[in-house]
């Protein structure tokens, strides 16, 4: 079936992703799929069935007439050139792209994990201060230095990874075309990747959910002022567990996105493109939103010294941003 899907993608490559074209594409796919299954049930091999199905359909002009499309739709592609451009990749190029994106995802995930863990030194220093091992001024200084050094390291990773991955930035503006054998090979690799993808994402979700348990348990078990150092120290476990979960999300998500782009699945499927129109607005909001949240977190934490409690700002900020993103996506989808 991957061969038939690729054939249909090639047939419709010069048509815009309008609702009419998408309906026609799905209708044609359904007809060809039914014919393919009928031939397979009749004893034909997979290659024989695919060959018969493809040979029974005429040119795109004939198909367009049967499905109620007209040539004027193709002319509209001049107004959406970014969706019309194609880029053909060989098997070697496709696999090189996947390897590059896997490395890119690892670097970005590591940088984000460093940012999330950056308050950990401050939590540790706060615990040492409460235990009367360090003075308040020294604990604050070391905690602040650790935070900014980890953020600086993360920014360095982001910059170098972005520069190294720059040659692939334009791929998302193209409709990737693969020959039949390459597409089948990448589809096999994608299937193998998918078997572990769900497990790793599930593990990331579990880590994020249980990240609050150490702090809650420490608060409940070790009450009283003499255990305040332990309670401050427990706050670092939240950042470490969340960082591990987010690392899994990003590293696996980048690789998943690379497969989706090569195979025209997920967010890169024709019917999904209209849903991505609000992404630029969401990204613009995020560019200002998260630095403001970070500034509020640092000001609040350094002012109060309650590093074991101020982490809650990230939970609230994440929920608010998720709601904002969802509303924007729904509005753009309905308007489209």
Protein backbone atom coordinates (compact mmCIF):
# COMPACT_ATOMS: atom_id res chain seq x y z
CA UNK A 1 0.00 0.00 0.00
CA UNK A 2 2.92 2.37 0.53
CA UNK A 3 3.63 2.16 -3.22
CA UNK A 4 0.04 3.09 -4.06
CA UNK A 5 0.10 6.00 -1.60
CA UNK A 6 3.33 7.26 -3.16
CA UNK A 7 1.75 6.93 -6.62
CA UNK A 8 -1.25 9.00 -5.55
CA UNK A 9 1.03 11.62 -3.95
CA UNK A 10 2.80 11.98 -7.30
CA UNK A 11 -0.52 12.28 -9.14
CA UNK A 12 -1.69 15.14 -6.93
CA UNK A 13 1.65 16.92 -6.51
CA UNK A 14 0.65 19.77 -8.89
CA UNK A 15 -2.65 20.45 -7.16
CA UNK A 16 -3.17 22.70 -4.10
CA UNK A 17 -4.23 21.25 -0.75
CA UNK A 18 -7.79 22.55 -0.95
CA UNK A 19 -10.67 20.65 0.70
CA UNK A 20 -11.91 19.62 -2.76
CA UNK A 21 -8.55 18.15 -3.76
CA UNK A 22 -8.08 16.42 -0.41
CA UNK A 23 -11.53 14.81 -0.70
CA UNK A 24 -10.71 13.68 -4.25
CA UNK A 25 -7.38 12.25 -3.11
CA UNK A 26 -9.01 10.27 -0.29
CA UNK A 27 -11.74 9.05 -2.66
CA UNK A 28 -9.18 7.84 -5.19
CA UNK A 29 -7.12 6.18 -2.46
CA UNK A 30 -10.21 4.34 -1.23
CA UNK A 31 -11.04 3.09 -4.74
CA UNK A 32 -7.50 1.88 -5.35
CA UNK A 33 -7.29 0.28 -1.91
CA UNK A 34 -10.53 -1.65 -2.49
CA UNK A 35 -9.27 -2.85 -5.89
CA UNK A 36 -5.92 -3.84 -4.36
CA UNK A 37 -7.59 -5.86 -1.58
CA UNK A 38 -9.91 -7.51 -4.12
CA UNK A 39 -6.94 -8.62 -6.24
CA UNK A 40 -5.03 -9.88 -3.19
CA UNK A 41 -8.08 -11.89 -2.13
CA UNK A 42 -8.20 -13.33 -5.66
CA UNK A 43 -4.73 -14.81 -5.30
CA UNK A 44 -2.59 -12.09 -6.88
CA UNK A 45 0.80 -11.30 -5.38
CA UNK A 46 1.44 -7.87 -3.88
CA UNK A 47 3.48 -6.69 -6.88
CA UNK A 48 0.92 -8.02 -9.37
CA UNK A 49 -1.94 -6.36 -7.49
CA UNK A 50 -0.12 -3.01 -7.34
CA UNK A 51 0.76 -3.17 -11.05
CA UNK A 52 -2.83 -3.93 -12.07
CA UNK A 53 -4.29 -1.22 -9.84
CA UNK A 54 -1.95 1.46 -11.18
CA UNK A 55 -2.33 0.39 -14.83
CA UNK A 56 -6.15 0.50 -14.66
CA UNK A 57 -6.16 4.23 -13.94
CA UNK A 58 -5.58 6.72 -16.74
CA UNK A 59 -3.74 10.02 -16.79
CA UNK A 60 -4.28 12.70 -14.17
CA UNK A 61 -6.45 14.65 -16.63
CA UNK A 62 -8.84 11.69 -16.89
CA UNK A 63 -8.82 11.14 -13.13
CA UNK A 64 -9.41 14.84 -12.49
CA UNK A 65 -12.42 14.79 -14.82
CA UNK A 66 -13.87 11.70 -13.12
CA UNK A 67 -13.36 13.20 -9.65
CA UNK A 68 -14.77 16.61 -10.55
CA UNK A 69 -11.52 18.57 -10.45
CA UNK A 70 -10.60 21.18 -13.01
CA UNK A 71 -7.31 22.54 -14.32
CA UNK A 72 -7.88 25.92 -12.70
CA UNK A 73 -6.98 24.35 -9.38
CA UNK A 74 -3.48 23.60 -10.62
CA UNK A 75 -2.99 27.26 -11.52
CA UNK A 76 -3.58 28.24 -7.90
CA UNK A 77 -0.32 26.52 -7.04
CA UNK A 78 1.51 29.62 -8.27
CA UNK A 79 0.09 31.39 -5.19
CA UNK A 80 1.31 28.65 -2.83
CA UNK A 81 4.78 27.94 -4.19
CA UNK A 82 6.08 26.90 -0.82
CA UNK A 83 3.79 23.86 -0.91
CA UNK A 84 4.47 23.13 -4.60
CA UNK A 85 8.25 22.82 -4.49
CA UNK A 86 9.54 19.29 -4.54
CA UNK A 87 12.82 17.74 -3.48
CA UNK A 88 13.77 14.24 -4.51
CA UNK A 89 15.99 12.27 -2.16
CA UNK A 90 17.89 9.06 -2.69
CA UNK A 91 18.03 6.34 -0.02
CA UNK A 92 21.49 7.53 1.07
CA UNK A 93 20.31 11.14 1.36
CA UNK A 94 17.18 10.15 3.29
CA UNK A 95 19.14 8.03 5.74
CA UNK A 96 21.78 10.75 6.16
CA UNK A 97 18.96 13.20 6.97
CA UNK A 98 17.52 10.81 9.56
CA UNK A 99 20.92 10.34 11.22
CA UNK A 100 21.46 14.09 11.28
CA UNK A 101 18.07 14.73 12.85
CA UNK A 102 18.66 12.03 15.46
CA UNK A 103 21.88 13.79 16.50
CA UNK A 104 20.19 17.18 16.35
CA UNK A 105 17.36 15.95 18.57
CA UNK A 106 19.84 14.57 21.10
CA UNK A 107 21.68 17.91 21.30
CA UNK A 108 18.51 20.01 21.63
CA UNK A 109 17.10 17.62 24.23
CA UNK A 110 20.35 17.83 26.20
CA UNK A 111 20.29 21.62 26.09
CA UNK A 112 16.69 21.79 27.28
CA UNK A 113 17.48 19.30 30.06
CA UNK A 114 20.36 21.52 31.18
CA UNK A 115 18.03 24.53 31.31
CA UNK A 116 15.47 22.59 33.37
CA UNK A 117 18.17 21.36 35.75
CA UNK A 118 19.80 24.78 36.11
CA UNK A 119 18.03 25.53 39.45
CA UNK A 120 19.41 22.29 40.97
CA UNK A 121 22.69 23.88 42.17
CA UNK A 122 20.67 26.60 43.91
CA UNK A 123 18.50 23.95 45.60
CA UNK A 124 21.58 22.08 46.80
CA UNK A 125 23.23 25.28 48.05
CA UNK A 126 20.03 26.23 49.84
CA UNK A 127 20.01 22.86 51.60
CA UNK A 128 23.67 23.27 52.62
CA UNK A 129 22.88 26.72 53.96
CA UNK A 130 19.98 25.37 56.03
CA UNK A 131 22.33 22.67 57.37
CA UNK A 132 24.72 25.48 58.43
CA UNK A 133 27.48 24.09 56.21
CA UNK A 134 27.69 27.22 54.03
CA UNK A 135 26.96 30.86 54.70
CA UNK A 136 23.96 32.45 53.04
CA UNK A 137 26.03 34.73 50.80
CA UNK A 138 28.28 31.89 49.61
CA UNK A 139 25.34 29.55 49.00
CA UNK A 140 23.51 32.21 46.93
CA UNK A 141 26.64 33.01 44.93
CA UNK A 142 27.45 29.38 44.11
CA UNK A 143 23.82 28.61 43.29
CA UNK A 144 23.55 31.59 40.95
CA UNK A 145 26.85 30.75 39.24
CA UNK A 146 25.77 27.15 38.73
CA UNK A 147 22.44 28.25 37.26
CA UNK A 148 23.92 30.70 34.75
CA UNK A 149 26.76 28.34 33.77
CA UNK A 150 24.28 25.56 32.95
CA UNK A 151 22.08 27.94 30.97
CA UNK A 152 25.14 29.26 29.12
CA UNK A 153 26.19 25.70 28.25
CA UNK A 154 22.67 24.98 26.98
CA UNK A 155 22.64 28.11 24.81
CA UNK A 156 26.00 27.07 23.37
CA UNK A 157 24.55 23.66 22.49
CA UNK A 158 21.50 25.28 20.86
CA UNK A 159 23.63 27.59 18.72
CA UNK A 160 26.10 24.95 17.54
CA UNK A 161 23.36 22.39 16.88
CA UNK A 162 21.31 24.96 14.96
CA UNK A 163 24.27 25.94 12.78
CA UNK A 164 25.17 22.31 12.06
CA UNK A 165 21.55 21.53 11.16
CA UNK A 166 21.15 24.65 9.03
CA UNK A 167 21.58 22.81 5.74
CA UNK A 168 18.35 20.94 6.41
CA UNK A 169 16.26 23.96 7.42
CA UNK A 170 14.76 24.30 3.96
CA UNK A 171 13.52 20.71 3.81
CA UNK A 172 10.26 21.61 5.54
CA UNK A 173 9.41 23.98 2.68
CA UNK A 174 9.51 21.14 0.16
CA UNK A 175 7.26 18.24 -0.65
CA UNK A 176 9.74 15.39 -0.26
CA UNK A 177 9.64 12.82 -3.06
CA UNK A 178 11.09 9.32 -2.66
CA UNK A 179 11.22 6.55 -5.23
CA UNK A 180 9.23 3.41 -4.46
CA UNK A 181 12.13 1.32 -3.13
CA UNK A 182 13.43 4.17 -0.96
CA UNK A 183 9.99 4.87 0.43
CA UNK A 184 9.48 1.20 1.29
CA UNK A 185 12.87 1.05 3.06
CA UNK A 186 12.21 4.22 5.07
CA UNK A 187 8.72 2.93 5.92
CA UNK A 188 10.27 -0.26 7.31
CA UNK A 189 12.70 1.75 9.44
CA UNK A 190 9.82 3.96 10.60
CA UNK A 191 7.84 0.90 11.69
CA UNK A 192 10.83 -0.39 13.68
CA UNK A 193 11.30 3.04 15.27
CA UNK A 194 7.62 3.22 16.18
CA UNK A 195 7.83 0.10 18.33
CA UNK A 196 10.14 1.83 20.79
CA UNK A 197 8.69 5.32 20.36
CA UNK A 198 5.55 4.66 22.36
CA UNK A 199 7.48 3.09 25.24
CA UNK A 200 9.88 6.05 25.52
CA UNK A 201 7.12 8.66 25.34
CA UNK A 202 5.18 6.75 28.00
CA UNK A 203 8.28 6.68 30.19
CA UNK A 204 8.66 10.45 29.74
CA UNK A 205 5.06 11.07 30.76
CA UNK A 206 5.45 8.85 33.84
CA UNK A 207 8.64 10.68 34.86
CA UNK A 208 6.91 14.06 34.61
CA UNK A 209 3.90 12.86 36.60
CA UNK A 210 5.91 11.31 39.45
CA UNK A 211 8.37 14.21 39.59
CA UNK A 212 6.37 15.90 42.37
CA UNK A 213 6.26 12.80 44.57
CA UNK A 214 9.71 13.18 46.23
CA UNK A 215 8.91 16.73 47.32
CA UNK A 216 5.45 15.79 48.56
CA UNK A 217 6.77 12.77 50.45
CA UNK A 218 9.59 14.76 52.03
CA UNK A 219 7.15 17.44 53.14
CA UNK A 220 4.91 14.82 54.72
CA UNK A 221 7.58 12.63 56.33
CA UNK A 222 10.16 15.19 57.41
CA UNK A 223 8.15 17.96 59.07
CA UNK A 224 9.75 20.52 61.34
CA UNK A 225 12.49 23.08 61.01
CA UNK A 226 15.37 20.66 61.60
CA UNK A 227 14.52 18.84 58.38
CA UNK A 228 14.19 21.99 56.27
CA UNK A 229 17.49 21.25 54.51
CA UNK A 230 16.17 17.88 53.32
CA UNK A 231 12.97 19.48 52.05
CA UNK A 232 14.97 22.07 50.09
CA UNK A 233 17.12 19.32 48.64
CA UNK A 234 14.07 17.33 47.55
CA UNK A 235 13.09 20.16 45.20
CA UNK A 236 16.03 19.25 42.95
CA UNK A 237 14.53 15.82 42.28
CA UNK A 238 11.58 17.45 40.53
CA UNK A 239 13.86 19.21 38.04
CA UNK A 240 15.92 16.09 37.42
CA UNK A 241 12.89 13.88 36.76
CA UNK A 242 11.18 16.46 34.55
CA UNK A 243 14.45 16.97 32.65
CA UNK A 244 14.68 13.23 31.99
CA UNK A 245 11.08 13.12 30.77
CA UNK A 246 11.47 16.16 28.53
CA UNK A 247 14.72 14.72 27.13
CA UNK A 248 12.78 11.66 25.96
CA UNK A 249 9.99 13.81 24.47
CA UNK A 250 12.32 16.00 22.44
CA UNK A 251 14.86 13.41 21.28
CA UNK A 252 12.12 11.03 20.12
CA UNK A 253 9.87 13.79 18.82
CA UNK A 254 12.55 15.23 16.50
CA UNK A 255 13.23 11.81 14.99
CA UNK A 256 9.50 11.14 14.64
CA UNK A 257 9.12 14.47 12.84
CA UNK A 258 11.95 13.55 10.45
CA UNK A 259 10.22 10.30 9.50
CA UNK A 260 6.90 12.11 9.11
CA UNK A 261 8.43 14.65 6.75
CA UNK A 262 10.05 12.01 4.54
CA UNK A 263 6.90 9.87 4.36
CA UNK A 264 4.33 12.70 4.27
CA UNK A 265 2.71 11.62 7.53
CA UNK A 266 1.54 13.39 10.69
CA UNK A 267 1.92 17.16 10.54
CA UNK A 268 3.38 16.86 7.03
CA UNK A 269 0.37 15.09 5.55
CA UNK A 270 -1.53 17.26 3.04
CA UNK A 271 -4.69 17.31 5.15
CA UNK A 272 -2.73 18.51 8.19
CA UNK A 273 -1.14 21.58 6.62
CA UNK A 274 -4.11 23.82 7.25
CA UNK A 275 -3.84 23.04 10.97
CA UNK A 276 -0.30 24.42 11.10
CA UNK A 277 -1.21 27.98 10.11
CA UNK A 278 -1.29 29.08 13.73
CA UNK A 279 2.18 27.74 14.53
CA UNK A 280 3.99 30.97 13.67
CA UNK A 281 1.76 32.92 16.05
CA UNK A 282 2.32 30.32 18.80
CA UNK A 283 6.08 30.48 18.23
CA UNK A 284 6.03 34.28 18.38
CA UNK A 285 4.15 34.18 21.70
CA UNK A 286 6.51 31.52 23.06
CA UNK A 287 9.54 33.65 22.18
CA UNK A 288 8.35 36.32 24.62
CA UNK A 289 6.37 34.16 27.05
CA UNK A 290 9.08 31.78 28.30
CA UNK A 291 11.79 34.42 28.89
CA UNK A 292 9.24 36.38 30.96
CA UNK A 293 8.37 33.23 32.95
CA UNK A 294 12.08 32.55 33.50
CA UNK A 295 12.67 36.11 34.71
CA UNK A 296 9.71 35.87 37.10
CA UNK A 297 10.99 32.55 38.42
CA UNK A 298 14.49 33.90 39.08
CA UNK A 299 13.25 37.10 40.71
CA UNK A 300 10.81 35.20 42.92
CA UNK A 301 13.37 32.56 43.88
CA UNK A 302 16.25 34.91 44.66
CA UNK A 303 13.95 37.30 46.52
CA UNK A 304 12.32 34.68 48.74
CA UNK A 305 15.00 31.98 48.75
CA UNK A 306 12.23 29.35 48.56
CA UNK A 307 13.78 27.26 45.78
CA UNK A 308 11.96 24.18 46.97
CA UNK A 309 8.60 25.85 46.31
CA UNK A 310 9.05 28.35 43.47
CA UNK A 311 9.35 25.54 40.89
CA UNK A 312 5.54 25.50 40.85
CA UNK A 313 5.69 28.49 38.47
CA UNK A 314 6.79 26.13 35.67
CA UNK A 315 3.77 23.88 36.16
CA UNK A 316 1.36 26.82 36.08
CA UNK A 317 3.15 28.45 33.13
CA UNK A 318 3.07 25.20 31.17
CA UNK A 319 -0.67 24.76 31.70
CA UNK A 320 -1.38 28.36 30.68
CA UNK A 321 0.78 28.12 27.55
CA UNK A 322 -0.84 24.82 26.60
CA UNK A 323 -4.28 26.43 26.86
CA UNK A 324 -3.16 29.42 24.76
CA UNK A 325 -1.72 27.13 22.07
CA UNK A 326 -4.88 25.03 21.97
CA UNK A 327 -7.14 28.08 21.57
CA UNK A 328 -4.99 29.50 18.75
CA UNK A 329 -4.94 26.17 16.91
CA UNK A 330 -8.72 25.79 17.17
CA UNK A 331 -9.35 29.34 15.93
CA UNK A 332 -7.07 28.93 12.91
CA UNK A 333 -8.56 25.55 12.07
CA UNK A 334 -12.12 26.86 12.17
CA UNK A 335 -11.24 29.94 10.11
CA UNK A 336 -9.58 27.76 7.52
